Amino acid sequence: MKKLIVSLILVVLASIISLGWSISEFATLQNPDTDSPSTNEQLAALKLVGITLSRTLAGDEVNQQGFVDNWNQHNQQQMSLTPEVEFILPPSLKLQFDNEKTLALESDEGISLHYLIPDTGQVLNIKTQLTSPEEKSFDLNKLYTMLFYIGVVAILLVWVSPLIRQLLTLSKTTQAFGMGELQQRINVSKTSYIGTIETEFNRMADRIQQLIDDNKLLSRAVSHDLKTPIARLRFGIEALEETQNEQLRVKYFKRLNRDIDAMEELVATLLNYARLDQANIQPELQSVELNAWLERKLVGYADNRLQLQYIPASQSIMINTDPKYLSMQVANLLSNAERFGQSKIKVRLELTDNATWLHVEDDGQGIAETETEQVVKPFVRGQQSRDNAGHGMGLAIVKRIGDWMGSELVIGRSIELGGAKISLKFK
């Protein structure tokens, strides 16, 4: 929105300044001779001349016509003398002329000035080609004002047309998304006025689609994973009802308990995964020295079957993280390595120029390159884990935490051990 407001202000200011300057230049071109007197100035001068001449000619009746003829030869404004009795006027103008002794009349040919010469019964007429300055100025002002507003509207329309297209696109995409087309997204341009809104819409759409996909996936996985223990429970209960052998009853009870434990583990895993929602989590970030923290974490790890090797970084590593959720990530990575490793697990810290790496490697079968994108989804297990216990949630939990904690999950193959190498990259 900041970009939209700034661009609007700049467009308005630029249009006003540029149009004002352009119209001013246009007006100057239309009236280039600014040194020549204006119509008002010429009329004022002629009025003064007429008043002076009427008084001068009143005392020189003999040379009146000669003066008029000489004036007409040297000036554009033409003079004439008319007897007062022949100077016919409407009553209202006649009254004004008698009182003021001067009168200005305008016709299609121009403005004429008339003066009563005292004591002679003559009227001095000065005919000009000047037109009414007020009307001309008014017309030009209207023209310039209209040009200014038309220019401002045109510039604003040019500016607002991309915004209208972007809003229409946003509206259509929103409607399509609301109708169930969850793949709909907006192509955000760098010059978009509402780029922030479009980006946030895409993020919201990604979030909603991810939630719906997770819900579908969890529903299918739960229905699949619960069928087996429920079927075993039903079979065990029926077997208990039919047998009277105490040893068999004890055996069936143990199986029922294992099935119940499996169902409880599945439900607990689902609840843990569902709680890993960034909207419901407020991580308590703090500075952690990763070498020492990981060493303390691995002290409590014990597995008689596998050998654990820890290789710290050669220098101190400080990261900003929430230790509780980092602990969940490390625990799931160790659990995954323990489940698929044959005899050895190696935990290694590595510091590069751009990032810090935490590698967990095992000597199992590894994860096929074609499955690396699938095994990070909930309830999805690779080919190597078909006969293994677990629900396929470990790496999904690690990835979900990493998505909002800023640690990237990378799956590869261990060069030294030959199994999987699952890494966390801290920025």
Protein backbone atom coordinates (compact mmCIF):
# COMPACT_ATOMS: atom_id res chain seq x y z
CA MET A 1 0.00 0.00 0.00
CA LYS A 2 2.92 2.35 0.66
CA LYS A 3 3.99 2.00 -2.97
CA LEU A 4 0.44 2.78 -4.15
CA ILE A 5 0.17 5.93 -2.00
CA VAL A 6 3.60 7.23 -3.00
CA SER A 7 2.97 6.62 -6.70
CA LEU A 8 -0.43 8.37 -6.49
CA ILE A 9 1.09 11.44 -4.83
CA LEU A 10 3.92 11.58 -7.37
CA VAL A 11 1.54 11.24 -10.32
CA VAL A 12 -0.76 14.00 -9.06
CA LEU A 13 2.13 16.38 -8.35
CA ALA A 14 3.86 15.60 -11.64
CA SER A 15 0.65 16.05 -13.65
CA ILE A 16 -0.19 19.38 -11.99
CA ILE A 17 3.32 20.76 -12.42
CA SER A 18 3.82 19.50 -15.98
CA LEU A 19 0.38 20.54 -17.19
CA GLY A 20 0.63 23.95 -15.52
CA TRP A 21 3.98 24.58 -17.16
CA SER A 22 2.81 23.26 -20.55
CA ILE A 23 -0.34 25.38 -20.58
CA SER A 24 1.65 28.43 -19.50
CA GLU A 25 4.05 27.88 -22.39
CA PHE A 26 1.13 27.38 -24.75
CA ALA A 27 -0.44 30.66 -23.61
CA THR A 28 2.89 32.41 -24.14
CA LEU A 29 3.09 31.05 -27.69
CA GLN A 30 -0.40 32.28 -28.38
CA ASN A 31 0.57 35.79 -27.16
CA PRO A 32 4.29 36.02 -27.91
CA ASP A 33 4.58 39.86 -27.93
CA THR A 34 4.32 40.49 -24.22
CA ASP A 35 5.79 44.01 -24.63
CA SER A 36 2.88 45.27 -26.77
CA PRO A 37 0.08 47.02 -24.86
CA SER A 38 -3.00 45.02 -24.02
CA THR A 39 -6.52 45.83 -25.21
CA ASN A 40 -7.39 47.43 -21.90
CA GLU A 41 -4.28 49.58 -22.01
CA GLN A 42 -5.00 50.71 -25.58
CA LEU A 43 -8.61 51.56 -24.72
CA ALA A 44 -7.53 53.50 -21.64
CA ALA A 45 -5.02 55.48 -23.72
CA LEU A 46 -7.57 56.21 -26.45
CA LYS A 47 -10.11 57.38 -23.87
CA LEU A 48 -7.60 59.84 -22.47
CA VAL A 49 -6.70 60.98 -25.98
CA GLY A 50 -10.38 61.38 -26.87
CA ILE A 51 -11.13 63.46 -23.77
CA THR A 52 -8.10 65.67 -24.41
CA LEU A 53 -8.90 66.11 -28.10
CA SER A 54 -12.56 66.92 -27.45
CA ARG A 55 -11.49 69.75 -25.17
CA THR A 56 -8.77 70.91 -27.59
CA LEU A 57 -11.03 70.91 -30.62
CA ALA A 58 -13.67 72.88 -28.70
CA GLY A 59 -11.44 75.96 -28.88
CA ASP A 60 -10.41 75.53 -32.50
CA GLU A 61 -13.50 75.06 -34.61
CA VAL A 62 -11.74 76.23 -37.79
CA ASN A 63 -9.08 73.51 -37.86
CA GLN A 64 -11.24 70.66 -36.54
CA GLN A 65 -11.68 68.84 -39.87
CA GLY A 66 -8.05 69.37 -40.88
CA PHE A 67 -6.87 67.83 -37.64
CA VAL A 68 -9.18 64.85 -38.15
CA ASP A 69 -7.94 64.30 -41.71
CA ASN A 70 -4.32 64.50 -40.60
CA TRP A 71 -4.98 62.03 -37.74
CA ASN A 72 -6.61 59.50 -40.06
CA GLN A 73 -3.60 59.54 -42.38
CA HIS A 74 -1.16 58.62 -39.64
CA ASN A 75 -3.14 56.35 -37.28
CA GLN A 76 -5.00 53.07 -37.54
CA GLN A 77 -7.83 54.36 -35.37
CA GLN A 78 -10.06 56.51 -37.54
CA MET A 79 -11.65 59.79 -36.36
CA SER A 80 -14.78 61.53 -37.60
CA LEU A 81 -16.98 64.47 -36.62
CA THR A 82 -20.74 64.10 -36.44
CA PRO A 83 -23.31 66.78 -35.61
CA GLU A 84 -24.92 66.03 -32.26
CA VAL A 85 -28.38 66.08 -33.79
CA GLU A 86 -27.38 63.28 -36.18
CA PHE A 87 -25.85 61.17 -33.43
CA ILE A 88 -28.95 59.06 -32.79
CA LEU A 89 -28.99 56.94 -29.59
CA PRO A 90 -31.57 54.98 -27.63
CA PRO A 91 -33.04 56.96 -24.71
CA SER A 92 -31.00 55.15 -22.07
CA LEU A 93 -27.70 55.67 -23.89
CA LYS A 94 -28.70 59.24 -24.81
CA LEU A 95 -29.16 60.04 -21.13
CA GLN A 96 -25.80 58.51 -20.27
CA PHE A 97 -24.07 60.41 -23.09
CA ASP A 98 -25.62 63.72 -22.03
CA ASN A 99 -24.48 63.21 -18.44
CA GLU A 100 -20.98 61.82 -19.01
CA LYS A 101 -20.20 63.52 -22.36
CA THR A 102 -18.49 60.28 -23.43
CA LEU A 103 -19.68 56.89 -24.61
CA ALA A 104 -18.07 53.58 -25.71
CA LEU A 105 -20.00 51.35 -28.12
CA GLU A 106 -19.14 47.92 -29.43
CA SER A 107 -20.20 46.30 -32.69
CA ASP A 108 -19.05 43.45 -34.88
CA GLU A 109 -16.46 45.79 -36.43
CA GLY A 110 -14.91 46.72 -33.07
CA ILE A 111 -15.15 49.26 -30.25
CA SER A 112 -15.90 52.91 -31.03
CA LEU A 113 -15.42 55.86 -28.65
CA HIS A 114 -17.64 58.97 -28.80
CA TYR A 115 -17.03 62.34 -27.12
CA LEU A 116 -19.21 65.47 -27.03
CA ILE A 117 -17.14 68.52 -28.01
CA PRO A 118 -18.25 71.33 -25.67
CA ASP A 119 -20.04 74.35 -27.10
CA THR A 120 -19.79 73.10 -30.74
CA GLY A 121 -22.68 70.71 -31.14
CA GLN A 122 -20.19 68.20 -32.60
CA VAL A 123 -19.45 64.63 -31.59
CA LEU A 124 -15.91 63.28 -31.95
CA ASN A 125 -15.92 59.60 -33.02
CA ILE A 126 -12.88 57.33 -32.71
CA LYS A 127 -13.38 53.96 -34.46
CA THR A 128 -11.09 51.07 -33.48
CA GLN A 129 -10.74 47.40 -34.42
CA LEU A 130 -10.36 46.35 -30.80
CA THR A 131 -12.72 43.76 -29.37
CA SER A 132 -13.98 43.42 -25.85
CA PRO A 133 -11.01 42.28 -23.72
CA GLU A 134 -13.19 40.79 -21.00
CA GLU A 135 -14.95 38.34 -23.30
CA LYS A 136 -11.75 37.28 -25.06
CA SER A 137 -9.94 36.75 -21.80
CA PHE A 138 -12.88 34.81 -20.43
CA ASP A 139 -12.88 32.46 -23.42
CA LEU A 140 -9.13 31.83 -23.15
CA ASN A 141 -9.37 31.21 -19.42
CA LYS A 142 -12.12 28.67 -19.98
CA LEU A 143 -10.03 26.98 -22.66
CA TYR A 144 -6.91 26.79 -20.49
CA THR A 145 -8.87 25.55 -17.47
CA MET A 146 -10.56 22.89 -19.56
CA LEU A 147 -7.22 21.78 -21.01
CA PHE A 148 -5.75 21.55 -17.50
CA TYR A 149 -8.53 19.37 -16.10
CA ILE A 150 -8.68 17.17 -19.19
CA GLY A 151 -4.92 16.67 -18.94
CA VAL A 152 -5.10 15.76 -15.23
CA VAL A 153 -7.93 13.29 -15.84
CA ALA A 154 -6.08 11.72 -18.79
CA ILE A 155 -2.87 11.27 -16.77
CA LEU A 156 -4.77 9.78 -13.83
CA LEU A 157 -6.61 7.40 -16.17
CA VAL A 158 -3.29 6.26 -17.63
CA TRP A 159 -1.97 5.76 -14.09
CA VAL A 160 -5.05 4.01 -12.73
CA SER A 161 -5.63 1.64 -15.67
CA PRO A 162 -2.92 -0.87 -14.53
CA LEU A 163 -4.36 -0.70 -11.00
CA ILE A 164 -7.84 -1.49 -12.33
CA ARG A 165 -6.46 -4.47 -14.28
CA GLN A 166 -4.60 -5.71 -11.21
CA LEU A 167 -7.71 -5.39 -9.03
CA LEU A 168 -9.81 -7.22 -11.62
CA THR A 169 -7.20 -9.99 -11.79
CA LEU A 170 -7.16 -10.21 -7.98
CA SER A 171 -10.96 -10.37 -7.92
CA LYS A 172 -11.14 -13.12 -10.56
CA THR A 173 -8.40 -15.15 -8.89
CA THR A 174 -10.08 -14.81 -5.49
CA GLN A 175 -13.41 -15.94 -6.91
CA ALA A 176 -11.81 -18.92 -8.67
CA PHE A 177 -9.95 -19.86 -5.48
CA GLY A 178 -13.18 -19.62 -3.50
CA MET A 179 -14.85 -21.96 -6.01
CA GLY A 180 -12.28 -24.66 -5.27
CA GLU A 181 -9.53 -23.99 -7.83
CA LEU A 182 -6.81 -24.08 -5.17
CA GLN A 183 -3.97 -23.89 -7.70
CA GLN A 184 -4.92 -20.31 -8.66
CA ARG A 185 -2.14 -17.80 -7.99
CA ILE A 186 -1.34 -14.22 -9.08
CA ASN A 187 1.77 -13.38 -11.07
CA VAL A 188 3.25 -10.55 -9.04
CA SER A 189 5.02 -7.88 -11.10
CA LYS A 190 7.79 -5.72 -9.67
CA THR A 191 5.90 -2.62 -10.87
CA SER A 192 2.55 -3.68 -9.40
CA TYR A 193 0.86 -1.05 -7.24
CA ILE A 194 -0.66 -3.75 -5.03
CA GLY A 195 2.28 -6.16 -5.07
CA THR A 196 2.13 -6.56 -1.28
CA ILE A 197 -1.53 -7.55 -1.38
CA GLU A 198 -0.92 -9.98 -4.26
CA THR A 199 2.04 -11.55 -2.45
CA GLU A 200 0.01 -11.94 0.75
CA PHE A 201 -2.83 -13.50 -1.24
CA ASN A 202 -0.44 -16.04 -2.74
CA ARG A 203 0.93 -16.85 0.72
CA MET A 204 -2.57 -17.24 2.07
CA ALA A 205 -3.51 -19.47 -0.86
CA ASP A 206 -0.39 -21.61 -0.32
CA ARG A 207 -1.24 -21.91 3.36
CA ILE A 208 -4.85 -22.90 2.73
CA GLN A 209 -3.87 -25.40 0.04
CA GLN A 210 -1.23 -26.88 2.35
CA LEU A 211 -3.76 -27.24 5.17
CA ILE A 212 -6.29 -28.90 2.88
CA ASP A 213 -3.65 -31.21 1.40
CA ASP A 214 -2.46 -32.11 4.91
CA ASN A 215 -6.02 -32.80 5.99
CA LYS A 216 -6.64 -35.09 3.02
CA LEU A 217 -3.32 -36.83 3.52
CA LEU A 218 -3.84 -37.28 7.23
CA SER A 219 -7.37 -38.56 6.69
CA ARG A 220 -6.20 -41.17 4.18
CA ALA A 221 -3.19 -42.14 6.28
CA VAL A 222 -5.12 -42.41 9.53
CA SER A 223 -7.83 -44.50 7.94
CA HIS A 224 -5.15 -46.77 6.48
CA ASP A 225 -2.94 -47.04 9.59
CA LEU A 226 -5.84 -47.53 11.98
CA LYS A 227 -7.41 -50.37 10.02
CA THR A 228 -4.67 -52.86 10.89
CA PRO A 229 -4.61 -52.39 14.72
CA ILE A 230 -8.41 -52.19 14.82
CA ALA A 231 -8.68 -55.44 12.86
CA ARG A 232 -6.17 -57.08 15.20
CA LEU A 233 -8.10 -55.82 18.23
CA ARG A 234 -11.33 -57.26 16.87
CA PHE A 235 -9.61 -60.58 16.11
CA GLY A 236 -8.00 -60.65 19.57
CA ILE A 237 -11.29 -59.96 21.35
CA GLU A 238 -13.00 -62.72 19.42
CA ALA A 239 -10.13 -65.08 20.23
CA LEU A 240 -10.40 -64.20 23.93
CA GLU A 241 -14.11 -64.96 23.90
CA GLU A 242 -13.56 -68.37 22.33
CA THR A 243 -10.57 -69.70 24.30
CA GLN A 244 -10.48 -71.01 27.86
CA ASN A 245 -6.73 -71.61 27.85
CA GLU A 246 -5.11 -69.26 30.36
CA GLN A 247 -1.77 -69.15 28.52
CA LEU A 248 -3.48 -68.20 25.26
CA ARG A 249 -5.54 -65.57 27.05
CA VAL A 250 -2.35 -63.98 28.44
CA LYS A 251 -0.79 -64.09 24.96
CA TYR A 252 -3.86 -62.44 23.40
CA PHE A 253 -3.92 -59.76 26.12
CA LYS A 254 -0.31 -58.88 25.34
CA ARG A 255 -1.12 -58.56 21.66
CA LEU A 256 -4.13 -56.38 22.44
CA ASN A 257 -1.95 -54.13 24.59
CA ARG A 258 0.59 -53.78 21.78
CA ASP A 259 -2.14 -52.86 19.35
CA ILE A 260 -3.56 -50.31 21.77
CA ASP A 261 -0.05 -48.89 22.28
CA ALA A 262 0.34 -48.61 18.52
CA MET A 263 -2.94 -46.73 18.24
CA GLU A 264 -1.98 -44.42 21.10
CA GLU A 265 1.37 -43.75 19.45
CA LEU A 266 -0.38 -42.94 16.19
CA VAL A 267 -2.80 -40.54 17.88
CA ALA A 268 0.05 -38.86 19.80
CA THR A 269 2.01 -38.47 16.57
CA LEU A 270 -1.01 -36.90 14.86
CA LEU A 271 -1.53 -34.47 17.73
CA ASN A 272 2.13 -33.47 17.74
CA TYR A 273 2.09 -32.85 14.00
CA ALA A 274 -1.18 -30.89 14.19
CA ARG A 275 0.25 -28.68 16.94
CA LEU A 276 3.20 -27.75 14.72
CA ASP A 277 1.23 -24.94 13.15
CA GLN A 278 3.06 -21.66 12.88
CA ALA A 279 -0.15 -19.73 13.59
CA ASN A 280 -0.45 -21.45 17.00
CA ILE A 281 3.22 -21.36 17.98
CA GLN A 282 5.19 -18.53 19.54
CA PRO A 283 8.84 -19.69 19.45
CA GLU A 284 11.11 -18.43 22.19
CA LEU A 285 14.21 -17.61 20.19
CA GLN A 286 17.53 -17.41 21.99
CA SER A 287 21.21 -17.54 21.16
CA VAL A 288 22.61 -21.09 21.39
CA GLU A 289 26.19 -22.34 21.08
CA LEU A 290 25.49 -25.35 18.90
CA ASN A 291 28.61 -27.43 19.67
CA ALA A 292 28.02 -27.54 23.43
CA TRP A 293 24.24 -27.78 23.12
CA LEU A 294 24.41 -30.78 20.80
CA GLU A 295 27.00 -32.50 22.97
CA ARG A 296 24.68 -32.24 26.00
CA LYS A 297 21.79 -33.46 23.88
CA LEU A 298 23.67 -36.59 22.75
CA VAL A 299 24.76 -37.53 26.28
CA GLY A 300 21.29 -38.85 27.00
CA TYR A 301 21.21 -40.89 23.81
CA ALA A 302 21.74 -44.59 24.42
CA ASP A 303 21.36 -47.47 21.98
CA ASN A 304 23.10 -50.78 22.59
CA ARG A 305 22.74 -51.77 18.97
CA LEU A 306 24.29 -48.74 17.23
CA GLN A 307 27.52 -46.83 17.78
CA LEU A 308 27.15 -43.02 17.87
CA GLN A 309 30.00 -40.77 16.73
CA TYR A 310 29.83 -37.02 17.31
CA ILE A 311 32.15 -34.67 15.38
CA PRO A 312 31.83 -31.03 16.54
CA ALA A 313 32.85 -28.05 14.45
CA SER A 314 36.37 -26.70 14.75
CA GLN A 315 35.09 -23.36 16.09
CA SER A 316 32.24 -21.97 18.12
CA ILE A 317 28.87 -21.79 16.33
CA MET A 318 26.14 -19.41 17.55
CA ILE A 319 22.64 -19.70 16.14
CA ASN A 320 19.35 -18.01 16.99
CA THR A 321 16.72 -20.69 17.60
CA ASP A 322 14.19 -22.18 20.00
CA PRO A 323 15.98 -25.05 21.83
CA LYS A 324 12.71 -26.94 22.42
CA TYR A 325 11.85 -27.25 18.73
CA LEU A 326 15.47 -27.77 17.72
CA SER A 327 15.51 -30.66 20.18
CA MET A 328 12.43 -32.13 18.47
CA GLN A 329 14.18 -31.91 15.11
CA VAL A 330 17.36 -33.59 16.35
CA ALA A 331 15.38 -36.29 18.18
CA ASN A 332 13.47 -37.19 15.02
CA LEU A 333 16.66 -37.26 12.94
CA LEU A 334 18.34 -39.58 15.49
CA SER A 335 15.23 -41.76 15.66
CA ASN A 336 15.20 -42.05 11.87
CA ALA A 337 18.92 -42.97 11.79
CA GLU A 338 18.45 -45.47 14.61
CA ARG A 339 15.53 -47.13 12.83
CA PHE A 340 17.34 -47.61 9.51
CA GLY A 341 21.02 -47.78 10.52
CA GLN A 342 22.85 -51.11 10.73
CA SER A 343 25.65 -50.46 13.19
CA LYS A 344 26.75 -46.82 13.22
CA ILE A 345 25.40 -43.28 13.38
CA LYS A 346 27.53 -40.17 12.84
CA VAL A 347 26.47 -36.69 13.92
CA ARG A 348 28.62 -33.92 12.46
CA LEU A 349 28.61 -30.11 12.59
CA GLU A 350 30.03 -28.17 9.66
CA LEU A 351 30.52 -24.42 9.26
CA THR A 352 30.65 -23.00 5.73
CA ASP A 353 30.91 -19.43 4.44
CA ASN A 354 27.16 -18.98 4.13
CA ALA A 355 25.58 -21.39 6.60
CA THR A 356 25.89 -23.87 9.46
CA TRP A 357 25.17 -27.55 8.75
CA LEU A 358 24.06 -30.32 11.11
CA HIS A 359 24.51 -33.73 9.44
CA VAL A 360 23.06 -37.00 10.75
CA GLU A 361 24.38 -40.03 8.81
CA ASP A 362 23.76 -43.78 9.10
CA ASP A 363 24.95 -46.95 7.41
CA GLY A 364 21.54 -48.20 6.31
CA GLN A 365 20.14 -48.56 2.81
CA GLY A 366 19.68 -44.80 2.39
CA ILE A 367 16.87 -42.91 0.69
CA ALA A 368 16.51 -43.11 -3.08
CA GLU A 369 16.95 -39.79 -4.87
CA THR A 370 13.54 -40.20 -6.49
CA GLU A 371 11.89 -40.39 -3.05
CA THR A 372 13.51 -37.38 -1.35
CA GLU A 373 10.55 -35.10 -2.09
CA GLN A 374 7.97 -37.65 -0.96
CA VAL A 375 9.42 -38.91 2.33
CA VAL A 376 9.12 -35.45 3.92
CA LYS A 377 5.33 -35.66 3.61
CA PRO A 378 3.33 -37.02 6.56
CA PHE A 379 2.61 -40.77 6.51
CA VAL A 380 4.79 -41.31 3.44
CA ARG A 381 7.57 -43.89 3.78
CA GLY A 382 10.24 -44.88 1.31
CA GLN A 383 10.89 -48.32 -0.12
CA GLN A 384 13.53 -49.07 2.52
CA SER A 385 10.98 -48.60 5.34
CA ARG A 386 8.20 -50.88 4.14
CA ASP A 387 8.97 -53.56 6.74
CA ASN A 388 10.02 -51.08 9.42
CA ALA A 389 8.04 -49.75 12.36
CA GLY A 390 6.89 -46.13 12.38
CA HIS A 391 4.31 -43.97 10.72
CA GLY A 392 6.43 -41.90 8.35
CA MET A 393 6.06 -38.71 10.40
CA GLY A 394 9.63 -38.04 11.59
CA LEU A 395 10.96 -36.17 8.59
CA ALA A 396 7.59 -34.44 8.08
CA ILE A 397 7.85 -33.00 11.60
CA VAL A 398 11.47 -31.92 11.02
CA LYS A 399 10.53 -30.17 7.78
CA ARG A 400 7.48 -28.43 9.23
CA ILE A 401 9.49 -27.04 12.13
CA GLY A 402 12.22 -25.98 9.72
CA ASP A 403 9.76 -24.15 7.48
CA TRP A 404 8.97 -21.56 10.14
CA MET A 405 12.19 -21.73 12.18
CA GLY A 406 14.44 -21.01 9.19
CA SER A 407 16.29 -24.34 9.01
CA GLU A 408 16.28 -26.13 5.67
CA LEU A 409 16.02 -29.93 5.48
CA VAL A 410 18.33 -31.54 2.91
CA ILE A 411 18.36 -35.29 2.15
CA GLY A 412 21.37 -36.96 0.56
CA ARG A 413 23.61 -40.02 0.83
CA SER A 414 26.53 -40.46 3.21
CA ILE A 415 29.81 -40.93 1.35
CA GLU A 416 31.56 -42.51 4.33
CA LEU A 417 28.80 -44.73 5.76
CA GLY A 418 26.83 -45.38 2.55
CA GLY A 419 23.40 -44.78 4.09
CA ALA A 420 21.25 -41.69 4.40
CA LYS A 421 22.66 -38.26 5.22
CA ILE A 422 19.94 -35.97 6.49
CA SER A 423 21.06 -32.40 7.14
CA LEU A 424 19.70 -29.25 8.68
CA LYS A 425 20.97 -26.00 7.20
CA PHE A 426 20.91 -22.98 9.54
CA LYS A 427 21.16 -19.56 7.89
